[in-house]
Amino acid sequence: MKKSISSANSKIQVLNQLLNFFWTILCFLPVLWYWAMQGPDSWLYGLIIFSITCGLLPEAFFRFLQVSQSAGFYERYGVKIIRKFVQQGDMINRLFRQQYPGRKVIRDASQAKNYLKTIAMYERYHFMCFLFFLSTAMHSLFAHRFLFALLITIGNVLYNICPIFLQQYNRLRVRRLLKK
């Protein structure tokens, strides 16, 4: 039984990574294309350093950015739809549950606490990418490359804003589980 669960976990991890790869390529493509056409310069390096530095801000800063303390708020704005199409999302978890009915993704408080750390890591990553995409879109606007600005902004919403909302929503749900 343990080996078959391990095998299922490996398959699920591969599916998660394929899904992650798809979204990363799709949304980073306009950013990479823009900077390839623009040519790497001090702006590119400065924006990368700025974005990474902001990702290193203390945990309290990210709690300040929490849009709402209500899971219902996030649900009204479509987080459950977003959750279907991301790594470790509903579609991937449904496959796992079909193979192992009744088995939960988070089984105990220890796993919940570890998942909170994962959520924080994802949120920081997407916040750094959000700042980099946003500043790149602004750079492309100033360079009068309006199509790039539009494509990068769309990618920013899909790749960063939606996942940040999802991580904030997940944090609320996991903390509610820990209180029970």
N, C-alpha and C. Protein backbone atom coordinates (compact mmCIF):
# COMPACT_ATOMS: atom_id res chain seq x y z
N MET A 1 0.84 -1.20 0.00
CA MET A 1 0.00 0.00 0.00
C MET A 1 0.87 1.26 0.00
N LYS A 2 1.91 1.26 0.84
CA LYS A 2 2.77 2.43 0.95
C LYS A 2 3.48 2.70 -0.37
N LYS A 3 3.93 1.65 -1.06
CA LYS A 3 4.62 1.83 -2.33
C LYS A 3 3.67 2.38 -3.38
N SER A 4 2.43 1.91 -3.40
CA SER A 4 1.48 2.39 -4.40
C SER A 4 1.11 3.86 -4.15
N ILE A 5 1.04 4.28 -2.89
CA ILE A 5 0.78 5.69 -2.58
C ILE A 5 1.97 6.53 -3.02
N SER A 6 3.17 6.01 -2.79
CA SER A 6 4.37 6.72 -3.22
C SER A 6 4.40 6.86 -4.74
N SER A 7 4.01 5.81 -5.44
CA SER A 7 3.94 5.85 -6.90
C SER A 7 2.90 6.87 -7.37
N ALA A 8 1.75 6.90 -6.70
CA ALA A 8 0.71 7.87 -7.05
C ALA A 8 1.20 9.29 -6.78
N ASN A 9 1.90 9.48 -5.66
CA ASN A 9 2.46 10.80 -5.34
C ASN A 9 3.44 11.25 -6.41
N SER A 10 4.27 10.32 -6.91
CA SER A 10 5.23 10.66 -7.96
C SER A 10 4.50 11.09 -9.22
N LYS A 11 3.44 10.39 -9.59
CA LYS A 11 2.67 10.75 -10.78
C LYS A 11 2.00 12.11 -10.59
N ILE A 12 1.49 12.35 -9.41
CA ILE A 12 0.84 13.62 -9.12
C ILE A 12 1.86 14.75 -9.14
N GLN A 13 3.05 14.51 -8.62
CA GLN A 13 4.10 15.53 -8.67
C GLN A 13 4.48 15.86 -10.10
N VAL A 14 4.54 14.84 -10.97
CA VAL A 14 4.84 15.09 -12.38
C VAL A 14 3.73 15.93 -13.01
N LEU A 15 2.48 15.59 -12.73
CA LEU A 15 1.36 16.37 -13.26
C LEU A 15 1.40 17.81 -12.74
N ASN A 16 1.70 17.96 -11.45
CA ASN A 16 1.82 19.30 -10.88
C ASN A 16 2.90 20.10 -11.59
N GLN A 17 4.04 19.48 -11.83
CA GLN A 17 5.14 20.19 -12.48
C GLN A 17 4.82 20.52 -13.94
N LEU A 18 4.12 19.63 -14.63
CA LEU A 18 3.71 19.92 -16.01
C LEU A 18 2.75 21.10 -16.05
N LEU A 19 1.82 21.13 -15.12
CA LEU A 19 0.88 22.24 -15.05
C LEU A 19 1.61 23.53 -14.71
N ASN A 20 2.53 23.47 -13.78
CA ASN A 20 3.33 24.62 -13.39
C ASN A 20 4.16 25.11 -14.59
N PHE A 21 4.77 24.20 -15.31
CA PHE A 21 5.58 24.53 -16.48
C PHE A 21 4.72 25.23 -17.54
N PHE A 22 3.52 24.71 -17.79
CA PHE A 22 2.61 25.31 -18.77
C PHE A 22 2.31 26.77 -18.43
N TRP A 23 1.87 27.03 -17.19
CA TRP A 23 1.53 28.40 -16.79
C TRP A 23 2.76 29.31 -16.79
N THR A 24 3.90 28.78 -16.37
CA THR A 24 5.12 29.59 -16.33
C THR A 24 5.52 30.01 -17.75
N ILE A 25 5.57 29.07 -18.66
CA ILE A 25 5.94 29.39 -20.05
C ILE A 25 4.94 30.36 -20.65
N LEU A 26 3.66 30.07 -20.51
CA LEU A 26 2.61 30.91 -21.11
C LEU A 26 2.70 32.35 -20.61
N CYS A 27 2.87 32.55 -19.33
CA CYS A 27 2.82 33.90 -18.76
C CYS A 27 4.16 34.62 -18.78
N PHE A 28 5.27 33.88 -18.73
CA PHE A 28 6.58 34.53 -18.80
C PHE A 28 6.98 34.86 -20.23
N LEU A 29 6.37 34.21 -21.21
CA LEU A 29 6.76 34.42 -22.59
C LEU A 29 6.74 35.89 -23.03
N PRO A 30 5.66 36.65 -22.77
CA PRO A 30 5.69 38.06 -23.17
C PRO A 30 6.78 38.87 -22.46
N VAL A 31 7.05 38.54 -21.20
CA VAL A 31 8.10 39.25 -20.45
C VAL A 31 9.46 38.95 -21.06
N LEU A 32 9.74 37.68 -21.29
CA LEU A 32 11.02 37.30 -21.88
C LEU A 32 11.17 37.86 -23.29
N TRP A 33 10.10 37.82 -24.05
CA TRP A 33 10.12 38.34 -25.41
C TRP A 33 10.41 39.84 -25.40
N TYR A 34 9.74 40.55 -24.49
CA TYR A 34 9.96 42.00 -24.40
C TYR A 34 11.42 42.31 -24.09
N TRP A 35 11.97 41.64 -23.06
CA TRP A 35 13.35 41.96 -22.68
C TRP A 35 14.34 41.48 -23.73
N ALA A 36 14.01 40.42 -24.47
CA ALA A 36 14.89 39.98 -25.57
C ALA A 36 14.91 41.03 -26.67
N MET A 37 13.75 41.61 -26.97
CA MET A 37 13.69 42.66 -28.00
C MET A 37 14.31 43.96 -27.49
N GLN A 38 14.09 44.26 -26.24
CA GLN A 38 14.59 45.49 -25.64
C GLN A 38 16.10 45.42 -25.44
N GLY A 39 16.55 44.23 -25.15
CA GLY A 39 17.97 44.04 -24.84
C GLY A 39 18.18 44.22 -23.35
N PRO A 40 18.91 43.30 -22.74
CA PRO A 40 19.16 43.44 -21.30
C PRO A 40 19.96 44.71 -21.04
N ASP A 41 19.51 45.45 -20.05
CA ASP A 41 20.18 46.70 -19.69
C ASP A 41 20.08 46.90 -18.19
N SER A 42 20.50 48.05 -17.73
CA SER A 42 20.49 48.32 -16.29
C SER A 42 19.07 48.32 -15.73
N TRP A 43 18.08 48.69 -16.55
CA TRP A 43 16.69 48.63 -16.08
C TRP A 43 16.29 47.20 -15.74
N LEU A 44 16.61 46.27 -16.62
CA LEU A 44 16.26 44.87 -16.37
C LEU A 44 16.89 44.39 -15.06
N TYR A 45 18.17 44.62 -14.90
CA TYR A 45 18.85 44.15 -13.70
C TYR A 45 18.34 44.86 -12.44
N GLY A 46 18.06 46.14 -12.57
CA GLY A 46 17.52 46.89 -11.44
C GLY A 46 16.15 46.39 -11.03
N LEU A 47 15.30 46.07 -12.01
CA LEU A 47 13.96 45.57 -11.71
C LEU A 47 14.01 44.18 -11.08
N ILE A 48 14.94 43.37 -11.54
CA ILE A 48 15.11 42.04 -10.93
C ILE A 48 15.56 42.18 -9.47
N ILE A 49 16.53 43.02 -9.23
CA ILE A 49 17.03 43.22 -7.86
C ILE A 49 15.93 43.80 -6.96
N PHE A 50 15.19 44.78 -7.48
CA PHE A 50 14.07 45.37 -6.72
C PHE A 50 13.05 44.31 -6.36
N SER A 51 12.66 43.49 -7.32
CA SER A 51 11.63 42.46 -7.09
C SER A 51 12.08 41.44 -6.05
N ILE A 52 13.32 40.98 -6.18
CA ILE A 52 13.84 39.99 -5.23
C ILE A 52 13.95 40.59 -3.83
N THR A 53 14.43 41.82 -3.75
CA THR A 53 14.56 42.49 -2.45
C THR A 53 13.20 42.60 -1.76
N CYS A 54 12.17 42.95 -2.52
CA CYS A 54 10.83 43.06 -1.93
C CYS A 54 10.30 41.70 -1.47
N GLY A 55 10.73 40.64 -2.12
CA GLY A 55 10.33 39.30 -1.69
C GLY A 55 10.96 38.89 -0.37
N LEU A 56 11.98 39.61 0.05
CA LEU A 56 12.67 39.30 1.31
C LEU A 56 12.13 40.10 2.49
N LEU A 57 11.07 40.86 2.26
CA LEU A 57 10.48 41.64 3.34
C LEU A 57 9.94 40.71 4.42
N PRO A 58 9.79 41.21 5.65
CA PRO A 58 9.34 40.34 6.76
C PRO A 58 7.91 39.82 6.56
N GLU A 59 7.64 38.75 7.25
CA GLU A 59 6.32 38.09 7.18
C GLU A 59 5.19 39.06 7.48
N ALA A 60 5.40 40.00 8.39
CA ALA A 60 4.36 40.97 8.76
C ALA A 60 3.91 41.79 7.55
N PHE A 61 4.82 42.07 6.65
CA PHE A 61 4.46 42.82 5.44
C PHE A 61 3.46 42.03 4.60
N PHE A 62 3.68 40.74 4.46
CA PHE A 62 2.78 39.91 3.66
C PHE A 62 1.43 39.73 4.35
N ARG A 63 1.42 39.71 5.68
CA ARG A 63 0.13 39.65 6.39
C ARG A 63 -0.63 40.96 6.17
N PHE A 64 0.10 42.07 6.10
CA PHE A 64 -0.52 43.38 5.82
C PHE A 64 -1.18 43.38 4.44
N LEU A 65 -0.60 42.65 3.50
CA LEU A 65 -1.13 42.59 2.13
C LEU A 65 -2.36 41.68 2.00
N GLN A 66 -2.68 40.94 3.06
CA GLN A 66 -3.84 40.06 3.01
C GLN A 66 -5.07 40.90 2.71
N VAL A 67 -5.73 40.62 1.59
CA VAL A 67 -6.83 41.45 1.12
C VAL A 67 -8.04 41.35 2.04
N SER A 68 -8.32 40.14 2.55
CA SER A 68 -9.49 39.95 3.40
C SER A 68 -9.22 38.83 4.40
N GLN A 69 -9.94 38.87 5.51
CA GLN A 69 -9.87 37.79 6.50
C GLN A 69 -11.06 36.85 6.34
N SER A 70 -11.81 37.02 5.27
CA SER A 70 -12.99 36.20 5.00
C SER A 70 -12.77 35.32 3.78
N ALA A 71 -12.91 34.01 3.96
CA ALA A 71 -12.79 33.10 2.82
C ALA A 71 -13.89 33.39 1.80
N GLY A 72 -15.05 33.81 2.27
CA GLY A 72 -16.16 34.14 1.38
C GLY A 72 -15.81 35.24 0.39
N PHE A 73 -15.00 36.20 0.83
CA PHE A 73 -14.56 37.28 -0.06
C PHE A 73 -13.84 36.70 -1.28
N TYR A 74 -12.90 35.81 -1.02
CA TYR A 74 -12.11 35.21 -2.11
C TYR A 74 -13.00 34.33 -2.99
N GLU A 75 -13.93 33.62 -2.37
CA GLU A 75 -14.84 32.77 -3.14
C GLU A 75 -15.72 33.60 -4.07
N ARG A 76 -16.18 34.77 -3.60
CA ARG A 76 -16.99 35.65 -4.45
C ARG A 76 -16.22 36.14 -5.67
N TYR A 77 -14.91 36.26 -5.54
CA TYR A 77 -14.09 36.74 -6.65
C TYR A 77 -13.44 35.62 -7.45
N GLY A 78 -13.94 34.39 -7.31
CA GLY A 78 -13.58 33.30 -8.21
C GLY A 78 -12.37 32.47 -7.85
N VAL A 79 -11.96 32.49 -6.60
CA VAL A 79 -10.78 31.71 -6.23
C VAL A 79 -11.02 30.20 -6.41
N LYS A 80 -12.26 29.76 -6.29
CA LYS A 80 -12.53 28.33 -6.48
C LYS A 80 -12.36 27.93 -7.94
N ILE A 81 -12.57 28.85 -8.85
CA ILE A 81 -12.32 28.57 -10.27
C ILE A 81 -10.82 28.50 -10.51
N ILE A 82 -10.09 29.44 -9.94
CA ILE A 82 -8.63 29.46 -10.07
C ILE A 82 -8.05 28.16 -9.53
N ARG A 83 -8.58 27.73 -8.40
CA ARG A 83 -8.06 26.55 -7.70
C ARG A 83 -8.14 25.28 -8.55
N LYS A 84 -9.01 25.25 -9.53
CA LYS A 84 -9.15 24.07 -10.39
C LYS A 84 -7.95 23.88 -11.31
N PHE A 85 -7.29 24.97 -11.70
CA PHE A 85 -6.32 24.92 -12.78
C PHE A 85 -4.88 25.15 -12.36
N VAL A 86 -4.57 24.97 -11.10
CA VAL A 86 -3.21 25.22 -10.61
C VAL A 86 -2.61 23.93 -10.06
N GLN A 87 -1.28 23.97 -9.85
CA GLN A 87 -0.64 22.82 -9.24
C GLN A 87 -1.22 22.61 -7.85
N GLN A 88 -1.33 21.38 -7.47
CA GLN A 88 -1.96 20.97 -6.21
C GLN A 88 -3.38 21.49 -6.10
N GLY A 89 -4.01 21.70 -7.24
CA GLY A 89 -5.37 22.21 -7.27
C GLY A 89 -6.40 21.10 -7.33
N ASP A 90 -7.64 21.49 -7.56
CA ASP A 90 -8.76 20.55 -7.51
C ASP A 90 -8.64 19.41 -8.51
N MET A 91 -8.22 19.72 -9.75
CA MET A 91 -8.13 18.66 -10.77
C MET A 91 -7.08 17.62 -10.38
N ILE A 92 -5.93 18.06 -9.93
CA ILE A 92 -4.86 17.14 -9.54
C ILE A 92 -5.27 16.34 -8.29
N ASN A 93 -5.84 17.03 -7.30
CA ASN A 93 -6.26 16.34 -6.08
C ASN A 93 -7.39 15.36 -6.34
N ARG A 94 -8.25 15.66 -7.30
CA ARG A 94 -9.33 14.73 -7.65
C ARG A 94 -8.75 13.42 -8.17
N LEU A 95 -7.70 13.51 -8.99
CA LEU A 95 -7.04 12.29 -9.48
C LEU A 95 -6.50 11.45 -8.32
N PHE A 96 -5.87 12.12 -7.35
CA PHE A 96 -5.33 11.43 -6.19
C PHE A 96 -6.45 10.76 -5.40
N ARG A 97 -7.54 11.47 -5.20
CA ARG A 97 -8.65 10.92 -4.40
C ARG A 97 -9.36 9.78 -5.12
N GLN A 98 -9.34 9.79 -6.46
CA GLN A 98 -9.94 8.68 -7.20
C GLN A 98 -9.15 7.40 -6.98
N GLN A 99 -7.83 7.55 -6.93
CA GLN A 99 -6.99 6.37 -6.69
C GLN A 99 -7.02 5.94 -5.23
N TYR A 100 -7.18 6.90 -4.32
CA TYR A 100 -7.15 6.61 -2.88
C TYR A 100 -8.33 7.30 -2.20
N PRO A 101 -9.54 6.74 -2.36
CA PRO A 101 -10.73 7.36 -1.76
C PRO A 101 -10.59 7.51 -0.25
N GLY A 102 -11.04 8.64 0.26
CA GLY A 102 -11.03 8.89 1.68
C GLY A 102 -9.70 9.41 2.20
N ARG A 103 -8.66 9.37 1.40
CA ARG A 103 -7.34 9.86 1.83
C ARG A 103 -7.29 11.37 1.66
N LYS A 104 -6.90 12.06 2.70
CA LYS A 104 -6.87 13.53 2.68
C LYS A 104 -5.48 14.02 2.30
N VAL A 105 -5.45 15.19 1.68
CA VAL A 105 -4.17 15.80 1.32
C VAL A 105 -3.45 16.29 2.57
N ILE A 106 -4.20 16.93 3.48
CA ILE A 106 -3.65 17.35 4.78
C ILE A 106 -4.30 16.46 5.83
N ARG A 107 -3.46 15.65 6.49
CA ARG A 107 -4.01 14.66 7.42
C ARG A 107 -3.90 15.06 8.88
N ASP A 108 -2.97 15.97 9.22
CA ASP A 108 -2.80 16.31 10.63
C ASP A 108 -2.26 17.73 10.78
N ALA A 109 -2.13 18.17 12.02
CA ALA A 109 -1.69 19.54 12.31
C ALA A 109 -0.27 19.80 11.81
N SER A 110 0.58 18.80 11.89
CA SER A 110 1.96 18.95 11.42
C SER A 110 2.00 19.24 9.92
N GLN A 111 1.22 18.49 9.15
CA GLN A 111 1.16 18.73 7.71
C GLN A 111 0.54 20.10 7.41
N ALA A 112 -0.44 20.49 8.19
CA ALA A 112 -1.07 21.80 7.99
C ALA A 112 -0.06 22.92 8.23
N LYS A 113 0.75 22.79 9.28
CA LYS A 113 1.77 23.81 9.56
C LYS A 113 2.83 23.86 8.46
N ASN A 114 3.21 22.69 7.97
CA ASN A 114 4.16 22.66 6.85
C ASN A 114 3.57 23.29 5.60
N TYR A 115 2.28 23.04 5.39
CA TYR A 115 1.62 23.61 4.21
C TYR A 115 1.55 25.14 4.33
N LEU A 116 1.39 25.66 5.54
CA LEU A 116 1.41 27.12 5.73
C LEU A 116 2.76 27.70 5.29
N LYS A 117 3.84 26.98 5.56
CA LYS A 117 5.17 27.43 5.11
C LYS A 117 5.26 27.40 3.58
N THR A 118 4.68 26.38 2.98
CA THR A 118 4.65 26.29 1.52
C THR A 118 3.85 27.44 0.93
N ILE A 119 2.72 27.73 1.53
CA ILE A 119 1.88 28.85 1.10
C ILE A 119 2.67 30.15 1.15
N ALA A 120 3.39 30.37 2.24
CA ALA A 120 4.19 31.60 2.39
C ALA A 120 5.26 31.68 1.31
N MET A 121 5.89 30.56 0.99
CA MET A 121 6.91 30.54 -0.05
C MET A 121 6.30 30.88 -1.41
N TYR A 122 5.17 30.25 -1.75
CA TYR A 122 4.49 30.53 -3.02
C TYR A 122 4.08 32.00 -3.10
N GLU A 123 3.56 32.51 -2.00
CA GLU A 123 3.11 33.90 -2.00
C GLU A 123 4.27 34.86 -2.24
N ARG A 124 5.40 34.61 -1.60
CA ARG A 124 6.58 35.46 -1.81
C ARG A 124 7.06 35.38 -3.26
N TYR A 125 7.11 34.17 -3.79
CA TYR A 125 7.54 33.99 -5.18
C TYR A 125 6.64 34.78 -6.13
N HIS A 126 5.33 34.61 -5.97
CA HIS A 126 4.40 35.29 -6.88
C HIS A 126 4.39 36.80 -6.65
N PHE A 127 4.68 37.24 -5.43
CA PHE A 127 4.78 38.68 -5.18
C PHE A 127 5.99 39.25 -5.90
N MET A 128 7.12 38.54 -5.84
CA MET A 128 8.31 39.01 -6.57
C MET A 128 8.04 39.05 -8.07
N CYS A 129 7.42 38.01 -8.58
CA CYS A 129 7.08 37.98 -10.01
C CYS A 129 6.07 39.08 -10.35
N PHE A 130 5.10 39.31 -9.45
CA PHE A 130 4.12 40.37 -9.67
C PHE A 130 4.83 41.72 -9.85
N LEU A 131 5.75 42.02 -8.97
CA LEU A 131 6.47 43.30 -9.06
C LEU A 131 7.30 43.37 -10.34
N PHE A 132 7.95 42.26 -10.70
CA PHE A 132 8.76 42.25 -11.91
C PHE A 132 7.88 42.41 -13.15
N PHE A 133 6.76 41.70 -13.21
CA PHE A 133 5.84 41.83 -14.35
C PHE A 133 5.27 43.25 -14.41
N LEU A 134 4.86 43.78 -13.26
CA LEU A 134 4.28 45.12 -13.22
C LEU A 134 5.29 46.16 -13.69
N SER A 135 6.49 46.09 -13.17
CA SER A 135 7.50 47.09 -13.56
C SER A 135 7.91 46.90 -15.03
N THR A 136 7.92 45.67 -15.51
CA THR A 136 8.21 45.44 -16.93
C THR A 136 7.09 45.99 -17.81
N ALA A 137 5.85 45.81 -17.38
CA ALA A 137 4.72 46.37 -18.13
C ALA A 137 4.81 47.89 -18.17
N MET A 138 5.17 48.50 -17.06
CA MET A 138 5.33 49.96 -17.02
C MET A 138 6.48 50.39 -17.93
N HIS A 139 7.57 49.66 -17.91
CA HIS A 139 8.71 49.95 -18.78
C HIS A 139 8.28 49.88 -20.25
N SER A 140 7.50 48.87 -20.58
CA SER A 140 7.06 48.72 -21.97
C SER A 140 6.09 49.84 -22.36
N LEU A 141 5.29 50.33 -21.41
CA LEU A 141 4.42 51.48 -21.69
C LEU A 141 5.25 52.72 -22.02
N PHE A 142 6.26 52.98 -21.21
CA PHE A 142 7.13 54.14 -21.45
C PHE A 142 7.90 54.02 -22.76
N ALA A 143 8.14 52.77 -23.19
CA ALA A 143 8.83 52.53 -24.45
C ALA A 143 7.84 52.49 -25.63
N HIS A 144 6.57 52.77 -25.35
CA HIS A 144 5.50 52.78 -26.36
C HIS A 144 5.30 51.41 -27.02
N ARG A 145 5.49 50.38 -26.25
CA ARG A 145 5.23 49.01 -26.71
C ARG A 145 3.96 48.54 -26.01
N PHE A 146 2.84 49.04 -26.51
CA PHE A 146 1.55 48.86 -25.84
C PHE A 146 1.05 47.42 -25.86
N LEU A 147 1.30 46.71 -26.94
CA LEU A 147 0.87 45.31 -27.00
C LEU A 147 1.61 44.50 -25.94
N PHE A 148 2.89 44.73 -25.79
CA PHE A 148 3.65 44.04 -24.74
C PHE A 148 3.10 44.39 -23.36
N ALA A 149 2.81 45.66 -23.15
CA ALA A 149 2.26 46.08 -21.85
C ALA A 149 0.98 45.32 -21.56
N LEU A 150 0.12 45.19 -22.56
CA LEU A 150 -1.15 44.47 -22.39
C LEU A 150 -0.91 42.98 -22.11
N LEU A 151 -0.08 42.35 -22.92
CA LEU A 151 0.18 40.91 -22.75
C LEU A 151 0.85 40.61 -21.40
N ILE A 152 1.78 41.46 -20.99
CA ILE A 152 2.46 41.27 -19.71
C ILE A 152 1.48 41.47 -18.56
N THR A 153 0.58 42.43 -18.69
CA THR A 153 -0.42 42.66 -17.64
C THR A 153 -1.38 41.48 -17.53
N ILE A 154 -1.80 40.94 -18.66
CA ILE A 154 -2.67 39.74 -18.63
C ILE A 154 -1.92 38.58 -17.98
N GLY A 155 -0.66 38.40 -18.36
CA GLY A 155 0.15 37.35 -17.73
C GLY A 155 0.31 37.57 -16.24
N ASN A 156 0.43 38.83 -15.84
CA ASN A 156 0.59 39.16 -14.42
C ASN A 156 -0.66 38.77 -13.63
N VAL A 157 -1.81 39.05 -14.19
CA VAL A 157 -3.07 38.68 -13.52
C VAL A 157 -3.15 37.17 -13.38
N LEU A 158 -2.90 36.46 -14.49
CA LEU A 158 -3.03 35.00 -14.46
C LEU A 158 -1.97 34.32 -13.60
N TYR A 159 -0.73 34.77 -13.73
CA TYR A 159 0.37 34.06 -13.10
C TYR A 159 0.67 34.52 -11.68
N ASN A 160 0.29 35.75 -11.35
CA ASN A 160 0.68 36.28 -10.04
C ASN A 160 -0.48 36.72 -9.16
N ILE A 161 -1.38 37.54 -9.68
CA ILE A 161 -2.47 38.04 -8.85
C ILE A 161 -3.41 36.91 -8.45
N CYS A 162 -3.80 36.08 -9.41
CA CYS A 162 -4.69 34.95 -9.07
C CYS A 162 -4.04 34.01 -8.06
N PRO A 163 -2.77 33.61 -8.25
CA PRO A 163 -2.15 32.74 -7.23
C PRO A 163 -1.97 33.41 -5.87
N ILE A 164 -1.70 34.71 -5.85
CA ILE A 164 -1.59 35.39 -4.55
C ILE A 164 -2.92 35.34 -3.82
N PHE A 165 -4.00 35.61 -4.54
CA PHE A 165 -5.33 35.49 -3.92
C PHE A 165 -5.57 34.06 -3.45
N LEU A 166 -5.18 33.10 -4.26
CA LEU A 166 -5.37 31.70 -3.90
C LEU A 166 -4.58 31.34 -2.64
N GLN A 167 -3.34 31.82 -2.53
CA GLN A 167 -2.54 31.53 -1.34
C GLN A 167 -3.13 32.19 -0.10
N GLN A 168 -3.63 33.40 -0.24
CA GLN A 168 -4.27 34.06 0.89
C GLN A 168 -5.51 33.29 1.34
N TYR A 169 -6.28 32.83 0.38
CA TYR A 169 -7.48 32.02 0.66
C TYR A 169 -7.08 30.71 1.34
N ASN A 170 -6.06 30.03 0.79
CA ASN A 170 -5.62 28.76 1.37
C ASN A 170 -5.12 28.95 2.80
N ARG A 171 -4.40 30.04 3.05
CA ARG A 171 -3.90 30.30 4.41
C ARG A 171 -5.07 30.41 5.39
N LEU A 172 -6.12 31.13 4.98
CA LEU A 172 -7.30 31.25 5.85
C LEU A 172 -7.92 29.89 6.13
N ARG A 173 -8.04 29.06 5.11
CA ARG A 173 -8.65 27.75 5.27
C ARG A 173 -7.81 26.83 6.15
N VAL A 174 -6.49 26.84 5.95
CA VAL A 174 -5.62 25.96 6.76
C VAL A 174 -5.61 26.43 8.21
N ARG A 175 -5.57 27.73 8.42
CA ARG A 175 -5.59 28.23 9.81
C ARG A 175 -6.90 27.86 10.49
N ARG A 176 -8.00 27.89 9.73
CA ARG A 176 -9.29 27.49 10.29
C ARG A 176 -9.25 26.00 10.66
N LEU A 177 -8.59 25.19 9.84
CA LEU A 177 -8.43 23.76 10.17
C LEU A 177 -7.63 23.57 11.45
N LEU A 178 -6.58 24.37 11.61
CA LEU A 178 -5.73 24.23 12.79
C LEU A 178 -6.46 24.63 14.06
N LYS A 179 -7.42 25.53 13.96
CA LYS A 179 -8.17 25.96 15.15
C LYS A 179 -9.13 24.88 15.62
N LYS A 180 -9.52 23.97 14.72
CA LYS A 180 -10.49 22.94 15.10
C LYS A 180 -9.86 21.84 15.91
